[in-house]
């Protein structure tokens, strides 16, 4: 059975170590969902870009039944990048890859379960 793909879309940084936590989450997701293609893409400073990553996913999928890519913004909250740049990028991707569905998920930091997990983690640091 075909499985949708997911791209964790993060900001990126000049320091390659910055991507370590994003890659760790991707690794855990791959272990949990081995049938699903899980990739990481970056807005700037790091590779692959979202466009490059989507092209790789599209090239790897041979079935017409699995032409959906979930894009999860690995951001704390909505800002200019997610409100303005990402929709423009998605419009371009939809034109470039006709027949593909790009499902934009909410930013990671806006998920209530993530907010609860962050509060718990911070609480454990307070003496």
N, C-alpha and C. Protein backbone atom coordinates (compact mmCIF):
# COMPACT_ATOMS: atom_id res chain seq x y z
N UNK A 1 0.84 -1.19 0.00
CA UNK A 1 0.00 0.00 0.00
C UNK A 1 0.88 1.24 0.00
N UNK A 2 0.54 2.23 -0.78
CA UNK A 2 1.31 3.46 -0.87
C UNK A 2 1.10 4.32 0.37
N UNK A 3 2.11 5.09 0.72
CA UNK A 3 2.01 5.97 1.87
C UNK A 3 2.38 7.38 1.45
N UNK A 4 1.70 8.33 2.06
CA UNK A 4 2.03 9.72 1.82
C UNK A 4 3.42 10.02 2.34
N UNK A 5 3.98 11.11 1.85
CA UNK A 5 5.29 11.57 2.34
C UNK A 5 5.07 12.74 3.29
N UNK A 6 6.05 12.98 4.13
CA UNK A 6 6.02 14.13 5.03
C UNK A 6 7.37 14.83 4.97
N UNK A 7 7.32 16.15 4.89
CA UNK A 7 8.53 16.95 4.92
C UNK A 7 8.46 17.85 6.14
N UNK A 8 9.46 17.72 7.01
CA UNK A 8 9.61 18.64 8.13
C UNK A 8 10.36 19.85 7.58
N UNK A 9 9.70 20.99 7.57
CA UNK A 9 10.24 22.19 6.95
C UNK A 9 10.73 23.14 8.06
N UNK A 10 12.05 23.26 8.16
CA UNK A 10 12.66 24.07 9.22
C UNK A 10 13.35 25.30 8.63
N UNK A 11 13.66 26.25 9.48
CA UNK A 11 14.27 27.50 9.03
C UNK A 11 15.66 27.28 8.46
N UNK A 12 16.52 26.61 9.21
CA UNK A 12 17.91 26.44 8.79
C UNK A 12 18.80 27.48 9.47
N UNK A 13 20.09 27.19 9.47
CA UNK A 13 21.08 28.07 10.10
C UNK A 13 22.43 27.83 9.45
N UNK A 14 23.34 28.74 9.68
CA UNK A 14 24.69 28.57 9.11
C UNK A 14 25.47 27.46 9.82
N UNK A 15 25.17 27.22 11.08
CA UNK A 15 25.84 26.18 11.86
C UNK A 15 25.16 24.83 11.60
N UNK A 16 25.88 23.87 11.03
CA UNK A 16 25.26 22.58 10.71
C UNK A 16 24.70 21.85 11.93
N UNK A 17 25.23 22.13 13.11
CA UNK A 17 24.73 21.48 14.34
C UNK A 17 23.30 21.90 14.64
N UNK A 18 22.87 23.04 14.11
CA UNK A 18 21.53 23.54 14.37
C UNK A 18 20.47 22.52 13.95
N UNK A 19 20.73 21.77 12.91
CA UNK A 19 19.74 20.84 12.36
C UNK A 19 19.63 19.54 13.16
N UNK A 20 20.52 19.32 14.10
CA UNK A 20 20.53 18.05 14.84
C UNK A 20 19.19 17.68 15.47
N UNK A 21 18.49 18.60 16.18
CA UNK A 21 17.20 18.21 16.76
C UNK A 21 16.13 17.89 15.71
N UNK A 22 16.13 18.61 14.61
CA UNK A 22 15.16 18.35 13.54
C UNK A 22 15.41 16.97 12.95
N UNK A 23 16.66 16.67 12.68
CA UNK A 23 17.01 15.34 12.14
C UNK A 23 16.68 14.24 13.14
N UNK A 24 16.84 14.50 14.43
CA UNK A 24 16.50 13.50 15.46
C UNK A 24 15.01 13.20 15.45
N UNK A 25 14.19 14.22 15.29
CA UNK A 25 12.74 14.01 15.21
C UNK A 25 12.41 13.22 13.94
N UNK A 26 13.02 13.58 12.83
CA UNK A 26 12.79 12.85 11.57
C UNK A 26 13.17 11.38 11.73
N UNK A 27 14.28 11.11 12.39
CA UNK A 27 14.72 9.73 12.61
C UNK A 27 13.68 8.95 13.43
N UNK A 28 13.17 9.58 14.48
CA UNK A 28 12.15 8.91 15.31
C UNK A 28 10.88 8.64 14.50
N UNK A 29 10.51 9.58 13.66
CA UNK A 29 9.32 9.38 12.83
C UNK A 29 9.53 8.25 11.82
N UNK A 30 10.72 8.18 11.24
CA UNK A 30 11.01 7.09 10.29
C UNK A 30 10.93 5.73 10.98
N UNK A 31 11.40 5.67 12.23
CA UNK A 31 11.34 4.42 12.98
C UNK A 31 9.89 4.05 13.29
N UNK A 32 9.08 5.06 13.60
CA UNK A 32 7.69 4.81 13.96
C UNK A 32 6.82 4.51 12.73
N UNK A 33 7.15 5.13 11.58
CA UNK A 33 6.39 4.96 10.36
C UNK A 33 7.30 4.53 9.22
N UNK A 34 7.81 3.29 9.26
CA UNK A 34 8.78 2.86 8.24
C UNK A 34 8.23 2.86 6.82
N UNK A 35 6.91 2.79 6.66
CA UNK A 35 6.31 2.78 5.32
C UNK A 35 6.19 4.18 4.74
N UNK A 36 6.42 5.20 5.55
CA UNK A 36 6.23 6.59 5.12
C UNK A 36 7.58 7.24 4.85
N UNK A 37 7.64 8.02 3.79
CA UNK A 37 8.84 8.77 3.46
C UNK A 37 8.84 10.05 4.31
N UNK A 38 9.84 10.21 5.17
CA UNK A 38 9.97 11.37 6.05
C UNK A 38 11.27 12.08 5.67
N UNK A 39 11.16 13.34 5.28
CA UNK A 39 12.33 14.11 4.88
C UNK A 39 12.38 15.43 5.64
N UNK A 40 13.52 16.08 5.57
CA UNK A 40 13.72 17.39 6.19
C UNK A 40 14.16 18.35 5.10
N UNK A 41 13.57 19.55 5.10
CA UNK A 41 13.94 20.61 4.16
C UNK A 41 14.11 21.91 4.93
N UNK A 42 14.82 22.84 4.32
CA UNK A 42 15.15 24.09 5.01
C UNK A 42 14.79 25.31 4.16
N UNK A 43 14.42 26.37 4.85
CA UNK A 43 14.10 27.63 4.19
C UNK A 43 15.35 28.32 3.68
N UNK A 44 16.38 28.35 4.51
CA UNK A 44 17.61 29.03 4.10
C UNK A 44 18.82 28.47 4.83
N UNK A 45 19.98 28.76 4.28
CA UNK A 45 21.29 28.40 4.82
C UNK A 45 21.66 26.92 4.70
N UNK A 46 20.69 26.01 4.63
CA UNK A 46 20.98 24.58 4.63
C UNK A 46 20.27 23.93 3.44
N UNK A 47 20.72 22.73 3.12
CA UNK A 47 20.15 21.95 2.02
C UNK A 47 19.55 20.67 2.57
N UNK A 48 18.55 20.13 1.94
CA UNK A 48 17.91 20.63 0.73
C UNK A 48 16.89 21.72 1.04
N UNK A 49 16.62 22.54 0.04
CA UNK A 49 15.53 23.50 0.14
C UNK A 49 14.22 22.73 0.01
N UNK A 50 13.12 23.41 0.26
CA UNK A 50 11.82 22.75 0.11
C UNK A 50 11.62 22.29 -1.33
N UNK A 51 11.95 23.13 -2.28
CA UNK A 51 11.80 22.78 -3.69
C UNK A 51 12.65 21.55 -4.05
N UNK A 52 13.89 21.53 -3.59
CA UNK A 52 14.78 20.39 -3.86
C UNK A 52 14.24 19.12 -3.21
N UNK A 53 13.77 19.25 -1.99
CA UNK A 53 13.26 18.08 -1.26
C UNK A 53 12.01 17.53 -1.95
N UNK A 54 11.10 18.42 -2.35
CA UNK A 54 9.90 17.97 -3.05
C UNK A 54 10.28 17.26 -4.34
N UNK A 55 11.23 17.80 -5.08
CA UNK A 55 11.66 17.15 -6.33
C UNK A 55 12.19 15.74 -6.04
N UNK A 56 12.92 15.57 -4.94
CA UNK A 56 13.43 14.24 -4.57
C UNK A 56 12.28 13.29 -4.23
N UNK A 57 11.29 13.80 -3.49
CA UNK A 57 10.14 12.97 -3.12
C UNK A 57 9.37 12.57 -4.38
N UNK A 58 9.10 13.54 -5.25
CA UNK A 58 8.37 13.26 -6.48
C UNK A 58 9.10 12.21 -7.32
N UNK A 59 10.42 12.34 -7.43
CA UNK A 59 11.21 11.39 -8.21
C UNK A 59 11.18 9.98 -7.61
N UNK A 60 11.00 9.90 -6.30
CA UNK A 60 11.04 8.59 -5.64
C UNK A 60 9.69 7.87 -5.66
N UNK A 61 8.64 8.56 -5.99
CA UNK A 61 7.30 7.97 -5.96
C UNK A 61 6.89 7.53 -7.36
N UNK A 62 6.60 6.27 -7.51
CA UNK A 62 6.23 5.77 -8.83
C UNK A 62 4.73 5.58 -8.97
N UNK A 63 4.02 5.55 -7.86
CA UNK A 63 2.59 5.28 -7.91
C UNK A 63 1.78 6.57 -7.93
N UNK A 64 0.74 6.59 -8.72
CA UNK A 64 -0.16 7.74 -8.75
C UNK A 64 -1.01 7.80 -7.49
N UNK A 65 -1.01 6.71 -6.72
CA UNK A 65 -1.84 6.65 -5.52
C UNK A 65 -1.21 7.35 -4.32
N UNK A 66 0.04 7.70 -4.42
CA UNK A 66 0.70 8.30 -3.24
C UNK A 66 1.27 9.67 -3.57
N UNK A 67 0.46 10.51 -4.19
CA UNK A 67 0.91 11.83 -4.63
C UNK A 67 0.51 12.93 -3.65
N UNK A 68 0.63 12.66 -2.38
CA UNK A 68 0.33 13.65 -1.35
C UNK A 68 1.59 13.83 -0.50
N UNK A 69 1.92 15.10 -0.27
CA UNK A 69 3.06 15.43 0.58
C UNK A 69 2.58 16.34 1.69
N UNK A 70 2.74 15.89 2.92
CA UNK A 70 2.40 16.71 4.08
C UNK A 70 3.61 17.58 4.40
N UNK A 71 3.39 18.87 4.56
CA UNK A 71 4.47 19.80 4.91
C UNK A 71 4.21 20.26 6.34
N UNK A 72 5.12 19.92 7.24
CA UNK A 72 4.99 20.33 8.63
C UNK A 72 6.02 21.41 8.93
N UNK A 73 5.57 22.66 9.13
CA UNK A 73 6.52 23.72 9.49
C UNK A 73 7.10 23.45 10.88
N UNK A 74 8.39 23.22 10.91
CA UNK A 74 9.10 22.96 12.17
C UNK A 74 9.49 24.31 12.77
N UNK A 75 8.46 25.11 13.06
CA UNK A 75 8.60 26.46 13.59
C UNK A 75 7.78 26.55 14.87
N UNK A 76 8.15 27.46 15.76
CA UNK A 76 7.40 27.66 16.99
C UNK A 76 6.05 28.30 16.71
N UNK A 77 5.99 29.26 15.78
CA UNK A 77 4.74 29.98 15.54
C UNK A 77 4.74 30.56 14.12
N UNK A 78 3.57 31.06 13.75
CA UNK A 78 3.42 31.74 12.46
C UNK A 78 4.20 33.05 12.49
N UNK A 79 4.91 33.32 11.45
CA UNK A 79 5.60 34.58 11.27
C UNK A 79 5.61 34.88 9.78
N UNK A 80 6.38 35.85 9.37
CA UNK A 80 6.42 36.23 7.97
C UNK A 80 6.80 35.09 7.05
N UNK A 81 7.73 34.25 7.49
CA UNK A 81 8.15 33.12 6.63
C UNK A 81 6.96 32.20 6.34
N UNK A 82 6.15 31.93 7.37
CA UNK A 82 5.04 30.99 7.17
C UNK A 82 3.80 31.65 6.58
N UNK A 83 3.60 32.92 6.86
CA UNK A 83 2.42 33.61 6.34
C UNK A 83 2.59 34.06 4.90
N UNK A 84 3.79 34.45 4.52
CA UNK A 84 3.99 35.01 3.18
C UNK A 84 4.82 34.09 2.28
N UNK A 85 6.02 33.74 2.72
CA UNK A 85 6.93 32.98 1.86
C UNK A 85 6.47 31.55 1.58
N UNK A 86 6.05 30.84 2.62
CA UNK A 86 5.67 29.44 2.41
C UNK A 86 4.47 29.30 1.48
N UNK A 87 3.40 30.10 1.62
CA UNK A 87 2.31 29.97 0.63
C UNK A 87 2.77 30.24 -0.81
N UNK A 88 3.68 31.18 -0.99
CA UNK A 88 4.21 31.45 -2.34
C UNK A 88 5.00 30.24 -2.84
N UNK A 89 5.78 29.64 -1.96
CA UNK A 89 6.54 28.45 -2.33
C UNK A 89 5.60 27.30 -2.71
N UNK A 90 4.54 27.12 -1.93
CA UNK A 90 3.59 26.05 -2.20
C UNK A 90 2.85 26.29 -3.53
N UNK A 91 2.50 27.53 -3.82
CA UNK A 91 1.87 27.83 -5.11
C UNK A 91 2.79 27.44 -6.26
N UNK A 92 4.07 27.77 -6.14
CA UNK A 92 5.04 27.42 -7.19
C UNK A 92 5.18 25.90 -7.30
N UNK A 93 5.21 25.21 -6.18
CA UNK A 93 5.34 23.75 -6.20
C UNK A 93 4.12 23.10 -6.84
N UNK A 94 2.94 23.63 -6.55
CA UNK A 94 1.72 23.08 -7.14
C UNK A 94 1.72 23.26 -8.66
N UNK A 95 2.25 24.37 -9.13
CA UNK A 95 2.34 24.58 -10.58
C UNK A 95 3.38 23.66 -11.20
N UNK A 96 4.49 23.49 -10.51
CA UNK A 96 5.58 22.67 -11.03
C UNK A 96 5.25 21.18 -11.01
N UNK A 97 4.49 20.75 -10.01
CA UNK A 97 4.20 19.32 -9.82
C UNK A 97 2.68 19.11 -9.87
N UNK A 98 2.11 19.28 -11.06
CA UNK A 98 0.67 19.10 -11.23
C UNK A 98 0.28 17.68 -10.85
N UNK A 99 -0.87 17.57 -10.22
CA UNK A 99 -1.36 16.26 -9.81
C UNK A 99 -0.91 15.87 -8.42
N UNK A 100 -0.05 16.65 -7.84
CA UNK A 100 0.41 16.39 -6.48
C UNK A 100 -0.37 17.27 -5.52
N UNK A 101 -0.63 16.72 -4.33
CA UNK A 101 -1.34 17.46 -3.28
C UNK A 101 -0.33 17.81 -2.20
N UNK A 102 -0.29 19.09 -1.85
CA UNK A 102 0.58 19.57 -0.78
C UNK A 102 -0.30 19.98 0.39
N UNK A 103 -0.22 19.22 1.45
CA UNK A 103 -1.05 19.40 2.63
C UNK A 103 -0.23 20.16 3.68
N UNK A 104 -0.56 21.43 3.90
CA UNK A 104 0.17 22.25 4.86
C UNK A 104 -0.40 22.04 6.25
N UNK A 105 0.42 21.54 7.14
CA UNK A 105 0.02 21.30 8.52
C UNK A 105 0.33 22.53 9.37
N UNK A 106 -0.23 22.61 10.59
CA UNK A 106 0.06 23.77 11.44
C UNK A 106 1.52 23.75 11.91
N UNK A 107 2.05 24.93 12.24
CA UNK A 107 3.42 24.97 12.78
C UNK A 107 3.50 24.11 14.05
N UNK A 108 4.60 23.44 14.19
CA UNK A 108 4.80 22.52 15.31
C UNK A 108 4.51 23.16 16.66
N UNK A 109 5.01 24.37 16.87
CA UNK A 109 4.86 25.03 18.16
C UNK A 109 3.45 25.47 18.48
N UNK A 110 2.55 25.44 17.50
CA UNK A 110 1.16 25.83 17.76
C UNK A 110 0.28 24.63 18.12
N UNK A 111 0.84 23.44 18.10
CA UNK A 111 0.07 22.25 18.48
C UNK A 111 -0.05 22.20 20.01
N UNK A 112 -1.27 22.08 20.54
CA UNK A 112 -1.43 22.05 22.00
C UNK A 112 -0.58 20.99 22.69
N UNK A 113 -0.44 19.82 22.08
CA UNK A 113 0.35 18.76 22.71
C UNK A 113 1.83 19.14 22.79
N UNK A 114 2.30 19.88 21.80
CA UNK A 114 3.70 20.35 21.82
C UNK A 114 3.86 21.42 22.89
N UNK A 115 2.89 22.31 23.00
CA UNK A 115 2.95 23.34 24.03
C UNK A 115 2.96 22.72 25.42
N UNK A 116 2.14 21.68 25.61
CA UNK A 116 2.12 20.97 26.89
C UNK A 116 3.46 20.31 27.16
N UNK A 117 4.03 19.65 26.15
CA UNK A 117 5.33 18.99 26.31
C UNK A 117 6.42 20.01 26.64
N UNK A 118 6.40 21.19 25.99
CA UNK A 118 7.38 22.22 26.29
C UNK A 118 7.23 22.72 27.72
N UNK A 119 5.99 22.94 28.16
CA UNK A 119 5.76 23.41 29.53
C UNK A 119 6.25 22.37 30.55
N UNK A 120 6.00 21.10 30.27
CA UNK A 120 6.47 20.02 31.15
C UNK A 120 7.99 19.98 31.19
N UNK A 121 8.62 20.09 30.04
CA UNK A 121 10.09 20.07 29.99
C UNK A 121 10.67 21.25 30.75
N UNK A 122 10.09 22.42 30.58
CA UNK A 122 10.57 23.60 31.30
C UNK A 122 10.33 23.44 32.79
N UNK A 123 9.17 22.91 33.16
CA UNK A 123 8.84 22.69 34.58
C UNK A 123 9.86 21.79 35.25
N UNK A 124 10.37 20.81 34.50
CA UNK A 124 11.33 19.88 35.10
C UNK A 124 12.68 20.55 35.36
N UNK A 125 12.91 21.71 34.77
CA UNK A 125 14.17 22.45 34.98
C UNK A 125 14.08 23.42 36.16
N UNK A 126 12.87 23.67 36.62
CA UNK A 126 12.69 24.64 37.70
C UNK A 126 12.81 23.94 39.04
N UNK A 127 13.76 24.41 39.87
CA UNK A 127 13.96 23.73 41.18
C UNK A 127 12.80 23.97 42.14
